[in-house]
Amino acid sequence: MGLALRPRAELTEVPPDLPVVYREALMLANKATFTQEELDAYEKVRDEIQQVLVIAEARWVEGQAEGHVEGEIKGRRDTLLRLLARAGIAVTDGDHALIQACTSVTTLDRWIDSVFGAKTAADVLS
């Protein structure tokens, strides 16, 4: 969870291999004095920041997954429309709207498979 500001009895000197930025921060912290109230307030804010970071990470991962699914659906819609055009099957505005409104990968896959041997868009989209 991060470094505690309370001094540790076992640390009697700054480790020589500690990077300069950490060494300077440690030396500054050793000089600082905090009341228990100040320390408690700092720890509360630190914990709140950590919680926000955890939530943000979870939402980012969730957004990535949603974007992936949306990309798959768009790809299937595009594939279906291209296959219909290549098969010479006319697509009405209503058919096009139905395809664009579909959010089911299973349905889009079924429609894609139905293009082969179909004569009309109704054969495919039924």
Protein backbone atom coordinates (compact mmCIF):
# COMPACT_ATOMS: atom_id res chain seq x y z
CA MET A 1 0.00 0.00 0.00
CA GLY A 2 2.95 2.38 0.02
CA LEU A 3 5.45 3.59 2.56
CA ALA A 4 4.29 4.28 6.09
CA LEU A 5 5.41 7.54 7.62
CA ARG A 6 6.02 6.01 11.02
CA PRO A 7 9.74 5.50 11.67
CA ARG A 8 10.94 1.91 11.66
CA ALA A 9 13.34 0.95 14.43
CA GLU A 10 15.18 -1.50 12.20
CA LEU A 11 16.14 1.19 9.65
CA THR A 12 19.12 2.96 11.15
CA GLU A 13 20.60 4.39 7.96
CA VAL A 14 19.60 5.05 4.38
CA PRO A 15 20.54 2.08 2.18
CA PRO A 16 23.38 3.10 -0.17
CA ASP A 17 21.76 1.51 -3.25
CA LEU A 18 18.49 3.39 -2.79
CA PRO A 19 17.78 5.63 -5.83
CA VAL A 20 18.44 9.31 -5.16
CA VAL A 21 14.82 10.41 -5.40
CA TYR A 22 13.80 7.87 -2.73
CA ARG A 23 16.81 8.68 -0.59
CA GLU A 24 15.90 12.38 -0.63
CA ALA A 25 12.25 11.61 0.17
CA LEU A 26 13.27 9.35 3.04
CA MET A 27 15.64 11.93 4.46
CA LEU A 28 12.92 14.59 4.23
CA ALA A 29 10.40 12.27 5.91
CA ASN A 30 12.85 11.58 8.72
CA LYS A 31 13.02 15.33 9.43
CA ALA A 32 9.24 15.82 9.26
CA THR A 33 7.03 15.52 12.28
CA PHE A 34 3.34 14.80 12.06
CA THR A 35 0.64 14.79 14.65
CA GLN A 36 -1.43 11.63 14.84
CA GLU A 37 -4.35 13.58 13.37
CA GLU A 38 -2.24 14.70 10.37
CA LEU A 39 -0.93 11.18 9.85
CA ASP A 40 -4.46 9.73 10.03
CA ALA A 41 -5.70 12.32 7.50
CA TYR A 42 -2.80 11.51 5.15
CA GLU A 43 -3.45 7.77 5.40
CA LYS A 44 -7.18 8.30 4.75
CA VAL A 45 -6.48 10.30 1.59
CA ARG A 46 -3.84 7.76 0.47
CA ASP A 47 -6.37 4.93 0.92
CA GLU A 48 -9.04 6.87 -0.99
CA ILE A 49 -6.62 7.48 -3.85
CA GLN A 50 -5.78 3.78 -3.93
CA GLN A 51 -9.49 2.92 -4.08
CA VAL A 52 -10.00 5.32 -6.97
CA LEU A 53 -7.07 3.75 -8.82
CA VAL A 54 -8.52 0.26 -8.34
CA ILE A 55 -11.93 1.40 -9.58
CA ALA A 56 -10.38 3.20 -12.57
CA GLU A 57 -8.39 0.10 -13.51
CA ALA A 58 -11.51 -2.08 -13.34
CA ARG A 59 -13.47 0.34 -15.50
CA TRP A 60 -10.65 0.54 -18.02
CA VAL A 61 -10.56 -3.25 -18.33
CA GLU A 62 -14.35 -3.32 -18.64
CA GLY A 63 -14.21 -0.65 -21.35
CA GLN A 64 -11.56 -2.61 -23.23
CA ALA A 65 -13.78 -5.72 -23.20
CA GLU A 66 -16.83 -3.74 -24.33
CA GLY A 67 -14.84 -2.16 -27.15
CA HIS A 68 -13.65 -5.58 -28.27
CA VAL A 69 -17.21 -6.94 -28.42
CA GLU A 70 -18.44 -3.83 -30.24
CA GLY A 71 -15.64 -4.26 -32.77
CA GLU A 72 -16.59 -7.89 -33.34
CA ILE A 73 -20.24 -6.95 -33.89
CA LYS A 74 -19.32 -4.17 -36.34
CA GLY A 75 -17.05 -6.56 -38.23
CA ARG A 76 -19.83 -9.12 -38.54
CA ARG A 77 -22.31 -6.49 -39.71
CA ASP A 78 -19.85 -5.32 -42.37
CA THR A 79 -19.15 -8.92 -43.43
CA LEU A 80 -22.87 -9.68 -43.74
CA LEU A 81 -23.51 -6.60 -45.87
CA ARG A 82 -20.52 -7.40 -48.11
CA LEU A 83 -21.64 -11.01 -48.56
CA LEU A 84 -25.17 -9.90 -49.43
CA ALA A 85 -23.79 -7.46 -52.01
CA ARG A 86 -21.44 -10.09 -53.51
CA ALA A 87 -24.32 -12.57 -53.70
CA GLY A 88 -26.38 -9.98 -55.59
CA ILE A 89 -29.06 -9.92 -52.90
CA ALA A 90 -30.89 -6.59 -52.68
CA VAL A 91 -30.97 -4.99 -49.24
CA THR A 92 -33.76 -2.55 -48.44
CA ASP A 93 -33.35 0.36 -46.04
CA GLY A 94 -35.35 -1.67 -43.52
CA ASP A 95 -33.04 -4.68 -43.96
CA HIS A 96 -30.01 -2.44 -43.55
CA ALA A 97 -31.48 -0.86 -40.40
CA LEU A 98 -32.24 -4.32 -38.97
CA ILE A 99 -28.66 -5.45 -39.57
CA GLN A 100 -27.20 -2.26 -38.07
CA ALA A 101 -29.46 -2.56 -35.01
CA CYS A 102 -28.46 -6.16 -34.30
CA THR A 103 -26.14 -6.53 -31.29
CA SER A 104 -26.13 -10.33 -31.11
CA VAL A 105 -23.00 -12.09 -32.38
CA THR A 106 -24.99 -15.34 -32.57
CA THR A 107 -27.70 -13.78 -34.75
CA LEU A 108 -25.18 -12.08 -37.03
CA ASP A 109 -23.28 -15.36 -37.44
CA ARG A 110 -26.52 -17.18 -38.28
CA TRP A 111 -27.37 -14.53 -40.87
CA ILE A 112 -23.88 -14.72 -42.38
CA ASP A 113 -24.20 -18.50 -42.69
CA SER A 114 -27.65 -18.05 -44.29
CA VAL A 115 -26.30 -15.95 -47.17
CA PHE A 116 -25.03 -19.04 -48.98
CA GLY A 117 -27.90 -20.40 -51.05
CA ALA A 118 -30.25 -17.52 -50.21
CA LYS A 119 -32.17 -15.70 -52.95
CA THR A 120 -33.50 -12.76 -50.94
CA ALA A 121 -32.65 -10.75 -47.87
CA ALA A 122 -35.75 -12.22 -46.22
CA ASP A 123 -34.20 -15.70 -46.64
CA VAL A 124 -31.13 -14.49 -44.78
CA LEU A 125 -32.75 -12.38 -42.07
CA SER A 126 -35.55 -14.77 -41.11
